[in-house]
N, C-alpha and C. Protein backbone atom coordinates (compact mmCIF):
# COMPACT_ATOMS: atom_id res chain seq x y z
N MET A 1 -7.14 -0.42 2.87
CA MET A 1 -6.95 -0.32 3.41
C MET A 1 -5.70 -0.24 2.54
N PRO A 2 5.99 2.34 -4.96
CA PRO A 2 6.69 1.11 -5.21
C PRO A 2 5.98 0.16 -4.42
N GLY A 3 5.87 -0.41 -4.80
CA GLY A 3 5.34 -1.40 -3.98
C GLY A 3 6.41 -2.32 -3.53
N SER A 4 6.32 -2.72 -2.38
CA SER A 4 7.19 -3.76 -1.91
C SER A 4 6.33 -4.96 -1.72
N ARG A 5 6.85 -6.10 -1.93
CA ARG A 5 6.05 -7.31 -1.85
C ARG A 5 6.68 -8.32 -0.93
N PRO A 6 6.94 -7.92 0.36
CA PRO A 6 7.56 -8.87 1.29
C PRO A 6 6.62 -9.99 1.64
N ALA A 7 7.18 -11.00 2.26
CA ALA A 7 6.39 -12.14 2.67
C ALA A 7 5.33 -11.69 3.65
N GLY A 8 4.24 -12.47 3.75
CA GLY A 8 3.14 -12.11 4.63
C GLY A 8 3.58 -12.03 6.07
N PRO A 9 2.85 -11.23 6.88
CA PRO A 9 3.20 -11.04 8.28
C PRO A 9 3.14 -12.32 9.07
N THR A 10 3.93 -12.36 10.13
CA THR A 10 3.95 -13.51 10.99
C THR A 10 3.57 -13.09 12.40
N GLY A 11 3.51 -14.03 13.31
CA GLY A 11 3.25 -13.70 14.69
C GLY A 11 1.79 -13.65 15.04
N LEU A 12 0.91 -14.06 14.09
CA LEU A 12 -0.53 -14.05 14.36
C LEU A 12 -0.96 -15.42 14.86
N SER A 13 -1.97 -15.44 15.70
CA SER A 13 -2.44 -16.70 16.25
C SER A 13 -3.13 -17.52 15.19
N ALA A 14 -3.22 -18.81 15.39
CA ALA A 14 -3.83 -19.72 14.43
C ALA A 14 -5.27 -19.34 14.20
N GLY A 15 -5.70 -19.46 12.94
CA GLY A 15 -7.07 -19.17 12.61
C GLY A 15 -7.32 -17.73 12.25
N THR A 16 -6.30 -16.87 12.36
CA THR A 16 -6.47 -15.46 12.01
C THR A 16 -6.66 -15.35 10.51
N ALA A 17 -7.47 -14.41 10.07
CA ALA A 17 -7.77 -14.25 8.64
C ALA A 17 -6.51 -13.98 7.85
N THR A 18 -6.54 -14.36 6.56
CA THR A 18 -5.42 -14.16 5.65
C THR A 18 -5.02 -12.69 5.62
N ILE A 19 -3.74 -12.45 5.57
CA ILE A 19 -3.23 -11.09 5.52
C ILE A 19 -2.90 -10.73 4.09
N ASP A 20 -3.42 -9.61 3.61
CA ASP A 20 -3.12 -9.23 2.23
C ASP A 20 -1.99 -8.22 2.20
N GLU A 21 -1.66 -7.74 1.02
CA GLU A 21 -0.53 -6.85 0.87
C GLU A 21 -0.89 -5.38 0.96
N GLY A 22 -2.17 -5.06 1.09
CA GLY A 22 -2.50 -3.68 1.34
C GLY A 22 -3.33 -3.04 0.26
N THR A 23 -4.35 -2.30 0.66
CA THR A 23 -5.22 -1.61 -0.27
C THR A 23 -5.80 -0.40 0.40
N LEU A 24 -6.64 0.32 -0.30
CA LEU A 24 -7.34 1.44 0.27
C LEU A 24 -8.76 1.05 0.61
N ALA A 25 -9.22 1.43 1.79
CA ALA A 25 -10.56 1.06 2.19
C ALA A 25 -11.57 2.02 1.60
N ARG A 26 -12.83 1.87 2.05
CA ARG A 26 -13.90 2.68 1.49
C ARG A 26 -13.82 4.11 2.00
N ALA A 27 -12.90 4.88 1.46
CA ALA A 27 -12.74 6.28 1.82
C ALA A 27 -12.15 7.00 0.63
N ARG A 28 -12.71 8.14 0.29
CA ARG A 28 -12.18 8.91 -0.82
C ARG A 28 -10.86 9.57 -0.40
N ALA A 29 -9.93 9.63 -1.33
CA ALA A 29 -8.63 10.20 -1.03
C ALA A 29 -8.40 11.43 -1.89
N PRO A 30 -7.67 12.44 -1.39
CA PRO A 30 -7.31 13.57 -2.24
C PRO A 30 -6.47 13.08 -3.39
N GLU A 31 -6.39 13.82 -4.45
CA GLU A 31 -5.64 13.40 -5.61
C GLU A 31 -4.20 13.85 -5.48
N PRO A 32 -3.28 12.90 -5.13
CA PRO A 32 -1.88 13.27 -4.96
C PRO A 32 -1.16 13.37 -6.28
N GLY A 33 0.18 13.34 -6.21
CA GLY A 33 0.99 13.59 -7.40
C GLY A 33 1.10 12.41 -8.33
N THR A 34 2.18 12.39 -9.11
CA THR A 34 2.36 11.41 -10.16
C THR A 34 2.36 9.99 -9.62
N ILE A 35 1.73 9.10 -10.36
CA ILE A 35 1.59 7.71 -9.93
C ILE A 35 2.84 6.92 -10.24
N GLY A 36 3.15 5.94 -9.35
CA GLY A 36 4.24 5.02 -9.64
C GLY A 36 5.54 5.49 -9.02
N SER A 37 6.61 4.75 -9.31
CA SER A 37 7.89 5.02 -8.68
C SER A 37 8.95 5.36 -9.71
N GLN A 38 8.54 5.97 -10.84
CA GLN A 38 9.53 6.28 -11.86
C GLN A 38 10.61 7.21 -11.34
N ALA A 39 10.22 8.17 -10.47
CA ALA A 39 11.20 9.10 -9.94
C ALA A 39 12.25 8.38 -9.12
N ALA A 40 11.80 7.40 -8.35
CA ALA A 40 12.74 6.65 -7.52
C ALA A 40 13.70 5.86 -8.39
N VAL A 41 13.18 5.29 -9.50
CA VAL A 41 14.05 4.55 -10.41
C VAL A 41 15.09 5.46 -11.03
N ALA A 42 14.63 6.66 -11.44
CA ALA A 42 15.55 7.60 -12.06
C ALA A 42 16.63 8.01 -11.09
N ASN A 43 16.25 8.26 -9.83
CA ASN A 43 17.24 8.63 -8.83
C ASN A 43 18.24 7.52 -8.61
N ALA A 44 17.73 6.27 -8.59
CA ALA A 44 18.63 5.14 -8.37
C ALA A 44 19.62 5.00 -9.50
N GLU A 45 19.16 5.23 -10.74
CA GLU A 45 20.04 5.08 -11.88
C GLU A 45 21.08 6.20 -11.96
N SER A 46 20.68 7.41 -11.53
CA SER A 46 21.58 8.55 -11.65
C SER A 46 22.45 8.73 -10.43
N GLY A 47 22.04 8.07 -9.33
CA GLY A 47 22.79 8.23 -8.08
C GLY A 47 22.34 9.46 -7.32
N ALA A 48 21.30 10.14 -7.78
CA ALA A 48 20.81 11.34 -7.12
C ALA A 48 20.05 10.97 -5.87
N THR A 49 20.00 11.92 -4.92
CA THR A 49 19.27 11.71 -3.68
C THR A 49 17.84 12.14 -3.87
N PRO A 50 16.85 11.31 -3.55
CA PRO A 50 15.45 11.69 -3.68
C PRO A 50 15.16 12.96 -2.90
N ALA A 51 14.29 13.80 -3.46
CA ALA A 51 13.95 15.05 -2.79
C ALA A 51 13.38 14.79 -1.41
N SER A 52 12.62 13.68 -1.26
CA SER A 52 11.99 13.38 0.03
C SER A 52 13.02 13.05 1.09
N ALA A 53 14.21 12.63 0.69
CA ALA A 53 15.24 12.25 1.65
C ALA A 53 16.05 13.43 2.11
N ALA A 54 15.95 14.56 1.40
CA ALA A 54 16.80 15.70 1.69
C ALA A 54 16.53 16.25 3.09
N ALA A 55 15.31 16.10 3.59
CA ALA A 55 14.97 16.66 4.89
C ALA A 55 15.55 15.87 6.05
N THR A 56 16.03 14.67 5.80
CA THR A 56 16.58 13.83 6.86
C THR A 56 18.08 13.65 6.66
N PRO A 57 18.90 14.05 7.63
CA PRO A 57 20.34 13.88 7.50
C PRO A 57 20.70 12.44 7.19
N ALA A 58 21.76 12.25 6.39
CA ALA A 58 22.15 10.91 5.95
C ALA A 58 22.35 9.97 7.13
N ALA A 59 22.93 10.50 8.22
CA ALA A 59 23.23 9.66 9.37
C ALA A 59 21.96 9.15 10.04
N GLU A 60 20.81 9.81 9.77
CA GLU A 60 19.58 9.43 10.43
C GLU A 60 18.64 8.64 9.53
N THR A 61 19.01 8.42 8.29
CA THR A 61 18.12 7.71 7.38
C THR A 61 18.13 6.22 7.67
N ASP A 62 17.03 5.58 7.39
CA ASP A 62 16.87 4.15 7.58
C ASP A 62 16.64 3.52 6.20
N PRO A 63 17.54 2.63 5.75
CA PRO A 63 17.40 2.04 4.41
C PRO A 63 16.06 1.36 4.20
N ALA A 64 15.51 0.72 5.23
CA ALA A 64 14.24 0.02 5.09
C ALA A 64 13.11 1.00 4.81
N ILE A 65 13.16 2.15 5.46
CA ILE A 65 12.13 3.16 5.23
C ILE A 65 12.34 3.86 3.89
N GLU A 66 13.59 4.18 3.56
CA GLU A 66 13.86 4.83 2.28
C GLU A 66 13.43 3.95 1.11
N ALA A 67 13.54 2.63 1.28
CA ALA A 67 13.15 1.70 0.22
C ALA A 67 11.64 1.73 -0.05
N LEU A 68 10.86 2.25 0.90
CA LEU A 68 9.42 2.34 0.72
C LEU A 68 9.05 3.46 -0.26
N ASP A 69 9.97 4.40 -0.49
CA ASP A 69 9.76 5.51 -1.43
C ASP A 69 8.52 6.32 -1.06
N LEU A 70 8.39 6.62 0.21
CA LEU A 70 7.25 7.41 0.69
C LEU A 70 7.53 8.90 0.51
N ARG A 71 6.48 9.70 0.65
CA ARG A 71 6.67 11.14 0.55
C ARG A 71 5.94 11.84 1.71
N GLY A 72 6.36 13.06 1.98
CA GLY A 72 5.67 13.92 2.93
C GLY A 72 5.38 13.30 4.28
N ALA A 73 4.12 13.44 4.70
CA ALA A 73 3.72 12.99 6.03
C ALA A 73 3.87 11.49 6.20
N ALA A 74 3.71 10.72 5.12
CA ALA A 74 3.86 9.27 5.24
C ALA A 74 5.29 8.90 5.59
N ARG A 75 6.26 9.55 4.95
CA ARG A 75 7.66 9.27 5.23
C ARG A 75 8.02 9.70 6.66
N THR A 76 7.57 10.90 7.03
CA THR A 76 7.82 11.39 8.38
C THR A 76 7.19 10.47 9.42
N GLY A 77 5.99 10.00 9.12
CA GLY A 77 5.29 9.11 10.04
C GLY A 77 5.99 7.78 10.19
N ALA A 78 6.54 7.26 9.10
CA ALA A 78 7.25 5.99 9.17
C ALA A 78 8.48 6.10 10.07
N TYR A 79 9.20 7.21 9.95
CA TYR A 79 10.38 7.41 10.81
C TYR A 79 9.97 7.55 12.27
N ALA A 80 8.88 8.28 12.53
CA ALA A 80 8.42 8.46 13.91
C ALA A 80 7.99 7.13 14.52
N LEU A 81 7.32 6.32 13.73
CA LEU A 81 6.87 5.02 14.22
C LEU A 81 8.05 4.10 14.51
N LYS A 82 9.03 4.10 13.62
CA LYS A 82 10.21 3.25 13.80
C LYS A 82 11.02 3.69 15.02
N LYS A 83 11.05 4.99 15.26
CA LYS A 83 11.77 5.50 16.43
C LYS A 83 11.09 5.06 17.72
N ALA A 84 9.76 5.07 17.71
CA ALA A 84 9.01 4.67 18.90
C ALA A 84 9.02 3.16 19.11
N HIS A 85 9.05 2.42 17.97
CA HIS A 85 9.00 0.95 18.04
C HIS A 85 10.02 0.38 17.05
N PRO A 86 11.28 0.27 17.45
CA PRO A 86 12.34 -0.17 16.54
C PRO A 86 12.10 -1.53 15.89
N SER A 87 11.26 -2.37 16.51
CA SER A 87 11.03 -3.71 15.96
C SER A 87 10.00 -3.73 14.86
N VAL A 88 9.32 -2.60 14.62
CA VAL A 88 8.24 -2.58 13.64
C VAL A 88 8.78 -2.92 12.24
N ARG A 89 7.98 -3.66 11.49
CA ARG A 89 8.38 -4.05 10.14
C ARG A 89 7.37 -3.52 9.13
N PHE A 90 7.85 -2.76 8.15
CA PHE A 90 6.98 -2.23 7.11
C PHE A 90 6.89 -3.26 5.97
N THR A 91 5.68 -3.51 5.51
CA THR A 91 5.50 -4.52 4.48
C THR A 91 5.16 -3.95 3.11
N SER A 92 4.82 -2.66 3.05
CA SER A 92 4.51 -2.07 1.75
C SER A 92 4.55 -0.55 1.85
N GLY A 93 4.99 0.09 0.77
CA GLY A 93 4.99 1.55 0.70
C GLY A 93 4.41 1.98 -0.64
N ARG A 94 5.17 2.81 -1.36
CA ARG A 94 4.71 3.22 -2.68
C ARG A 94 4.71 2.02 -3.62
N ARG A 95 3.72 1.96 -4.49
CA ARG A 95 3.64 0.91 -5.49
C ARG A 95 3.52 1.51 -6.88
N ASP A 96 4.06 0.80 -7.86
CA ASP A 96 3.75 1.18 -9.23
C ASP A 96 2.51 0.40 -9.65
N LYS A 97 2.08 0.58 -10.89
CA LYS A 97 0.83 -0.03 -11.33
C LYS A 97 0.89 -1.56 -11.27
N ALA A 98 2.03 -2.12 -11.66
CA ALA A 98 2.16 -3.58 -11.66
C ALA A 98 2.12 -4.13 -10.24
N ASP A 99 2.77 -3.44 -9.31
CA ASP A 99 2.76 -3.86 -7.91
C ASP A 99 1.33 -3.83 -7.36
N GLN A 100 0.60 -2.76 -7.69
CA GLN A 100 -0.77 -2.64 -7.20
C GLN A 100 -1.65 -3.74 -7.76
N ALA A 101 -1.46 -4.05 -9.04
CA ALA A 101 -2.24 -5.11 -9.67
C ALA A 101 -1.97 -6.46 -9.00
N ARG A 102 -0.71 -6.74 -8.69
CA ARG A 102 -0.37 -8.01 -8.02
C ARG A 102 -0.96 -8.07 -6.63
N ALA A 103 -0.88 -6.95 -5.89
CA ALA A 103 -1.42 -6.93 -4.53
C ALA A 103 -2.92 -7.18 -4.53
N MET A 104 -3.62 -6.56 -5.45
CA MET A 104 -5.06 -6.75 -5.53
C MET A 104 -5.41 -8.15 -6.00
N ALA A 105 -4.66 -8.67 -6.96
CA ALA A 105 -4.93 -10.00 -7.50
C ALA A 105 -4.81 -11.08 -6.43
N SER A 106 -3.89 -10.89 -5.49
CA SER A 106 -3.69 -11.89 -4.44
C SER A 106 -4.95 -12.04 -3.58
N ASN A 107 -5.77 -10.99 -3.53
CA ASN A 107 -7.01 -11.04 -2.77
C ASN A 107 -8.20 -11.47 -3.63
N VAL A 108 -8.18 -11.08 -4.89
CA VAL A 108 -9.26 -11.47 -5.80
C VAL A 108 -9.28 -12.98 -5.98
N VAL A 109 -8.12 -13.62 -5.91
CA VAL A 109 -8.05 -15.08 -5.99
C VAL A 109 -8.91 -15.71 -4.92
N LEU A 110 -8.99 -15.08 -3.77
CA LEU A 110 -9.74 -15.60 -2.64
C LEU A 110 -11.20 -15.16 -2.65
N ASN A 111 -11.47 -14.02 -3.25
CA ASN A 111 -12.82 -13.45 -3.25
C ASN A 111 -13.01 -12.63 -4.52
N ARG A 112 -13.82 -13.12 -5.44
CA ARG A 112 -14.00 -12.46 -6.73
C ARG A 112 -14.69 -11.10 -6.60
N LYS A 113 -15.32 -10.82 -5.49
CA LYS A 113 -15.97 -9.53 -5.28
C LYS A 113 -15.18 -8.63 -4.33
N TRP A 114 -13.94 -9.02 -4.09
CA TRP A 114 -13.12 -8.31 -3.11
C TRP A 114 -12.91 -6.84 -3.47
N ILE A 115 -12.77 -6.52 -4.73
CA ILE A 115 -12.51 -5.13 -5.12
C ILE A 115 -13.68 -4.23 -4.76
N GLU A 116 -14.88 -4.62 -5.14
CA GLU A 116 -16.03 -3.76 -4.85
C GLU A 116 -16.37 -3.74 -3.36
N GLU A 117 -15.96 -4.77 -2.63
CA GLU A 117 -16.22 -4.82 -1.19
C GLU A 117 -15.18 -4.04 -0.39
N THR A 118 -14.07 -3.70 -1.02
CA THR A 118 -12.96 -3.09 -0.30
C THR A 118 -12.73 -1.63 -0.68
N TYR A 119 -12.83 -1.29 -1.95
CA TYR A 119 -12.46 0.03 -2.43
C TYR A 119 -13.62 1.00 -2.49
N ALA A 120 -13.31 2.28 -2.28
CA ALA A 120 -14.29 3.32 -2.52
C ALA A 120 -14.65 3.29 -4.01
N THR A 121 -15.90 3.56 -4.31
CA THR A 121 -16.34 3.54 -5.70
C THR A 121 -15.66 4.65 -6.49
N SER A 122 -15.03 4.27 -7.58
CA SER A 122 -14.34 5.22 -8.45
C SER A 122 -14.32 4.62 -9.85
N PRO A 123 -13.99 5.41 -10.86
CA PRO A 123 -13.94 4.86 -12.22
C PRO A 123 -13.03 3.63 -12.33
N VAL A 124 -11.87 3.69 -11.70
CA VAL A 124 -10.92 2.58 -11.82
C VAL A 124 -11.39 1.36 -11.03
N SER A 125 -11.92 1.56 -9.84
CA SER A 125 -12.38 0.41 -9.06
C SER A 125 -13.52 -0.30 -9.77
N LYS A 126 -14.41 0.46 -10.38
CA LYS A 126 -15.52 -0.15 -11.11
C LYS A 126 -15.04 -0.92 -12.34
N LEU A 127 -14.08 -0.35 -13.06
CA LEU A 127 -13.54 -1.04 -14.24
C LEU A 127 -12.76 -2.29 -13.85
N ALA A 128 -12.05 -2.21 -12.72
CA ALA A 128 -11.29 -3.37 -12.26
C ALA A 128 -12.23 -4.51 -11.87
N GLN A 129 -13.31 -4.19 -11.14
CA GLN A 129 -14.27 -5.22 -10.77
C GLN A 129 -14.97 -5.78 -11.99
N LYS A 130 -15.27 -4.92 -12.96
CA LYS A 130 -15.91 -5.37 -14.18
C LYS A 130 -15.02 -6.36 -14.93
N TRP A 131 -13.71 -6.08 -14.96
CA TRP A 131 -12.79 -7.00 -15.65
C TRP A 131 -12.85 -8.37 -14.97
N VAL A 132 -12.85 -8.39 -13.64
CA VAL A 132 -12.91 -9.66 -12.91
C VAL A 132 -14.21 -10.38 -13.24
N ASP A 133 -15.33 -9.64 -13.23
CA ASP A 133 -16.63 -10.25 -13.50
C ASP A 133 -16.73 -10.78 -14.92
N ASP A 134 -16.10 -10.07 -15.86
CA ASP A 134 -16.18 -10.45 -17.28
C ASP A 134 -15.21 -11.56 -17.66
N ASN A 135 -14.32 -11.93 -16.73
CA ASN A 135 -13.31 -12.95 -17.04
C ASN A 135 -13.30 -14.04 -15.97
N PRO A 136 -14.38 -14.76 -15.82
CA PRO A 136 -14.46 -15.80 -14.78
C PRO A 136 -13.47 -16.93 -14.99
N ASP A 137 -12.97 -17.08 -16.21
CA ASP A 137 -12.00 -18.15 -16.50
C ASP A 137 -10.59 -17.80 -16.02
N LYS A 138 -10.35 -16.53 -15.70
CA LYS A 138 -9.04 -16.10 -15.23
C LYS A 138 -9.01 -16.28 -13.71
N LYS A 139 -8.32 -17.31 -13.25
CA LYS A 139 -8.37 -17.65 -11.84
C LYS A 139 -7.02 -17.58 -11.12
N SER A 140 -5.92 -17.60 -11.85
CA SER A 140 -4.61 -17.54 -11.20
C SER A 140 -4.27 -16.09 -10.86
N GLN A 141 -3.40 -15.91 -9.87
CA GLN A 141 -2.99 -14.56 -9.48
C GLN A 141 -2.31 -13.85 -10.63
N ASP A 142 -1.49 -14.54 -11.39
CA ASP A 142 -0.78 -13.91 -12.50
C ASP A 142 -1.75 -13.43 -13.58
N ASP A 143 -2.74 -14.26 -13.92
CA ASP A 143 -3.70 -13.88 -14.94
C ASP A 143 -4.55 -12.69 -14.49
N ILE A 144 -4.97 -12.71 -13.25
CA ILE A 144 -5.78 -11.61 -12.73
C ILE A 144 -4.96 -10.34 -12.66
N ALA A 145 -3.72 -10.46 -12.20
CA ALA A 145 -2.84 -9.28 -12.13
C ALA A 145 -2.65 -8.66 -13.51
N ALA A 146 -2.47 -9.50 -14.52
CA ALA A 146 -2.29 -8.98 -15.88
C ALA A 146 -3.54 -8.25 -16.35
N GLY A 147 -4.70 -8.78 -16.02
CA GLY A 147 -5.94 -8.12 -16.41
C GLY A 147 -6.14 -6.80 -15.70
N LEU A 148 -5.87 -6.77 -14.41
CA LEU A 148 -6.00 -5.52 -13.66
C LEU A 148 -5.00 -4.48 -14.14
N LEU A 149 -3.80 -4.94 -14.47
CA LEU A 149 -2.79 -4.00 -14.97
C LEU A 149 -3.25 -3.36 -16.27
N SER A 150 -3.93 -4.12 -17.12
CA SER A 150 -4.44 -3.56 -18.37
C SER A 150 -5.45 -2.44 -18.09
N VAL A 151 -6.22 -2.58 -17.02
CA VAL A 151 -7.16 -1.53 -16.62
C VAL A 151 -6.40 -0.30 -16.15
N PHE A 152 -5.37 -0.52 -15.33
CA PHE A 152 -4.60 0.60 -14.79
C PHE A 152 -3.84 1.36 -15.88
N GLU A 153 -3.33 0.62 -16.84
CA GLU A 153 -2.55 1.26 -17.91
C GLU A 153 -3.42 2.20 -18.74
N ALA A 154 -4.72 1.92 -18.81
CA ALA A 154 -5.62 2.75 -19.60
C ALA A 154 -6.19 3.92 -18.79
N ALA A 155 -5.92 3.95 -17.49
CA ALA A 155 -6.48 4.98 -16.62
C ALA A 155 -5.55 6.18 -16.49
N SER A 156 -6.12 7.31 -16.15
CA SER A 156 -5.32 8.52 -15.94
C SER A 156 -4.71 8.49 -14.54
N ASP A 157 -3.66 9.29 -14.33
CA ASP A 157 -3.05 9.37 -13.01
C ASP A 157 -4.06 9.87 -11.98
N ALA A 158 -4.91 10.82 -12.38
CA ALA A 158 -5.89 11.37 -11.45
C ALA A 158 -6.86 10.29 -10.98
N ASP A 159 -7.31 9.44 -11.91
CA ASP A 159 -8.23 8.37 -11.54
C ASP A 159 -7.53 7.31 -10.68
N LEU A 160 -6.29 7.00 -11.01
CA LEU A 160 -5.55 6.02 -10.23
C LEU A 160 -5.31 6.52 -8.80
N ALA A 161 -5.12 7.83 -8.67
CA ALA A 161 -4.88 8.40 -7.34
C ALA A 161 -6.08 8.20 -6.43
N ARG A 162 -7.26 8.06 -7.00
CA ARG A 162 -8.46 7.84 -6.20
C ARG A 162 -8.60 6.37 -5.78
N LEU A 163 -7.82 5.50 -6.41
CA LEU A 163 -7.90 4.08 -6.10
C LEU A 163 -7.13 3.73 -4.83
N SER A 164 -5.86 4.17 -4.74
CA SER A 164 -5.03 3.79 -3.60
C SER A 164 -3.93 4.82 -3.35
N LYS A 165 -3.74 5.18 -2.10
CA LYS A 165 -2.67 6.10 -1.74
C LYS A 165 -1.30 5.44 -1.79
N HIS A 166 -1.26 4.12 -1.91
CA HIS A 166 0.02 3.45 -2.13
C HIS A 166 0.63 3.90 -3.45
N LEU A 167 -0.20 4.20 -4.43
CA LEU A 167 0.29 4.57 -5.75
C LEU A 167 1.00 5.92 -5.75
N SER A 168 0.72 6.76 -4.77
CA SER A 168 1.35 8.08 -4.71
C SER A 168 2.40 8.18 -3.62
N GLY A 169 2.62 7.11 -2.88
CA GLY A 169 3.62 7.16 -1.80
C GLY A 169 3.10 7.78 -0.53
N ASP A 170 1.76 7.81 -0.36
CA ASP A 170 1.16 8.43 0.82
C ASP A 170 0.56 7.40 1.77
N ALA A 171 1.04 6.16 1.70
CA ALA A 171 0.53 5.12 2.59
C ALA A 171 1.59 4.05 2.80
N PHE A 172 1.56 3.43 3.96
CA PHE A 172 2.43 2.28 4.21
C PHE A 172 1.65 1.26 5.03
N ASP A 173 2.11 0.01 4.93
CA ASP A 173 1.53 -1.08 5.71
C ASP A 173 2.57 -1.59 6.69
N VAL A 174 2.08 -2.02 7.83
CA VAL A 174 2.95 -2.53 8.89
C VAL A 174 2.54 -3.96 9.18
N GLN A 175 3.53 -4.81 9.42
CA GLN A 175 3.24 -6.21 9.73
C GLN A 175 2.52 -6.31 11.07
N PRO A 176 1.34 -6.90 11.08
CA PRO A 176 0.63 -7.10 12.35
C PRO A 176 1.41 -8.04 13.26
N VAL A 177 1.42 -7.74 14.54
CA VAL A 177 2.09 -8.58 15.53
C VAL A 177 1.20 -8.69 16.75
N GLU A 178 1.55 -9.60 17.63
CA GLU A 178 0.83 -9.74 18.89
C GLU A 178 1.55 -9.02 20.02
N THR A 179 2.88 -9.11 20.02
CA THR A 179 3.67 -8.45 21.06
C THR A 179 3.62 -6.93 20.88
N ASP A 180 3.22 -6.20 21.91
CA ASP A 180 3.13 -4.73 21.90
C ASP A 180 2.15 -4.21 20.84
N ALA A 181 1.21 -5.05 20.42
CA ALA A 181 0.28 -4.64 19.36
C ALA A 181 -0.48 -3.37 19.71
N ASP A 182 -1.02 -3.30 20.92
CA ASP A 182 -1.82 -2.12 21.30
C ASP A 182 -0.97 -0.86 21.31
N ALA A 183 0.25 -0.96 21.79
CA ALA A 183 1.13 0.21 21.85
C ALA A 183 1.49 0.69 20.44
N ILE A 184 1.76 -0.25 19.55
CA ILE A 184 2.11 0.11 18.18
C ILE A 184 0.93 0.77 17.48
N LYS A 185 -0.25 0.19 17.64
CA LYS A 185 -1.43 0.76 16.99
C LYS A 185 -1.75 2.14 17.56
N LYS A 186 -1.54 2.33 18.84
CA LYS A 186 -1.76 3.64 19.44
C LYS A 186 -0.79 4.66 18.85
N SER A 187 0.45 4.26 18.65
CA SER A 187 1.44 5.16 18.06
C SER A 187 1.07 5.53 16.63
N ILE A 188 0.59 4.55 15.87
CA ILE A 188 0.19 4.82 14.49
C ILE A 188 -0.95 5.83 14.47
N ARG A 189 -1.93 5.64 15.32
CA ARG A 189 -3.09 6.54 15.35
C ARG A 189 -2.69 7.97 15.75
N GLY A 190 -1.54 8.10 16.42
CA GLY A 190 -1.10 9.42 16.86
C GLY A 190 -0.14 10.10 15.90
N LEU A 191 0.15 9.49 14.75
CA LEU A 191 1.09 10.07 13.80
C LEU A 191 0.53 11.35 13.18
N THR A 192 1.37 12.35 13.04
CA THR A 192 0.98 13.62 12.45
C THR A 192 0.58 13.45 10.99
N GLY A 193 -0.56 13.99 10.63
CA GLY A 193 -1.02 13.93 9.24
C GLY A 193 -1.75 12.67 8.87
N LEU A 194 -1.94 11.75 9.82
CA LEU A 194 -2.64 10.50 9.52
C LEU A 194 -4.07 10.78 9.06
N ASP A 195 -4.44 10.19 7.95
CA ASP A 195 -5.80 10.33 7.42
C ASP A 195 -6.67 9.16 7.88
N LYS A 196 -6.11 7.97 7.88
CA LYS A 196 -6.89 6.79 8.27
C LYS A 196 -5.94 5.66 8.65
N PHE A 197 -6.30 4.92 9.70
CA PHE A 197 -5.57 3.72 10.07
C PHE A 197 -6.55 2.56 10.06
N LEU A 198 -6.22 1.51 9.34
CA LEU A 198 -7.09 0.34 9.21
C LEU A 198 -6.37 -0.91 9.69
N GLU A 199 -7.06 -1.71 10.48
CA GLU A 199 -6.50 -2.98 10.94
C GLU A 199 -6.95 -4.13 10.05
N LYS A 200 -8.05 -3.93 9.34
CA LYS A 200 -8.57 -4.93 8.41
C LYS A 200 -9.13 -4.22 7.19
N GLU A 201 -9.06 -4.89 6.05
CA GLU A 201 -9.69 -4.40 4.83
C GLU A 201 -10.29 -5.58 4.10
N GLY A 202 -11.55 -5.47 3.78
CA GLY A 202 -12.21 -6.57 3.08
C GLY A 202 -12.15 -7.86 3.86
N GLY A 203 -12.12 -7.78 5.19
CA GLY A 203 -12.06 -8.97 6.02
C GLY A 203 -10.67 -9.55 6.18
N LEU A 204 -9.67 -8.90 5.60
CA LEU A 204 -8.29 -9.39 5.67
C LEU A 204 -7.49 -8.57 6.67
N VAL A 205 -6.69 -9.24 7.50
CA VAL A 205 -5.93 -8.57 8.55
C VAL A 205 -4.71 -7.89 7.93
N ARG A 206 -4.59 -6.58 8.19
CA ARG A 206 -3.43 -5.84 7.72
C ARG A 206 -3.47 -4.45 8.32
N TRP A 207 -2.37 -3.96 8.80
CA TRP A 207 -2.30 -2.62 9.40
C TRP A 207 -1.88 -1.64 8.32
N HIS A 208 -2.79 -0.76 7.97
CA HIS A 208 -2.60 0.16 6.85
C HIS A 208 -2.74 1.59 7.35
N ALA A 209 -1.72 2.40 7.14
CA ALA A 209 -1.76 3.81 7.52
C ALA A 209 -1.67 4.67 6.27
N GLN A 210 -2.60 5.60 6.12
CA GLN A 210 -2.57 6.47 4.94
C GLN A 210 -2.62 7.92 5.38
N PHE A 211 -2.00 8.79 4.60
CA PHE A 211 -1.82 10.19 4.99
C PHE A 211 -2.35 11.13 3.91
């Protein structure tokens, strides 16, 4: 169902399932562009304006959305959602490989089979699950994240693109809330270019929109 790694969502009733940081559910995704946020880093260092921001006048940009480093329909969708619901909080956008490894590890700590239960079958998802299965002694989030990152570093951009649209900047997560929840979810489902909207992934509560 860059990565940003904000604190977990709030406003959920007691007993609600743990909220993760976001993943791709069992659905194949088109192969988008280059993985990671190197372009965003380069722009930040040079002071250049990201190409994705050029379409939105400076006076209309939102720093919180720009920090997600989204592209195309995902970026446009984030602005449309924020305009309709100013209180909405985005919890994740583009991720680099290390961010993705940490996000996945936070769930593997709770369920060692979480990867195969959550992701569409692909070369990278299978290798990631195999690493978890082959290393039962690695139980901390940091150790698991390091292991998953080693899998990602050996994978091609094309294979990584099949793992998660967060890696290409074509997905964002929104903090689940109780107030106006139905209205917000309806707005997300109506966003132009939306490929899939998920309220849960692998049994974990999280609002994930991918384009």
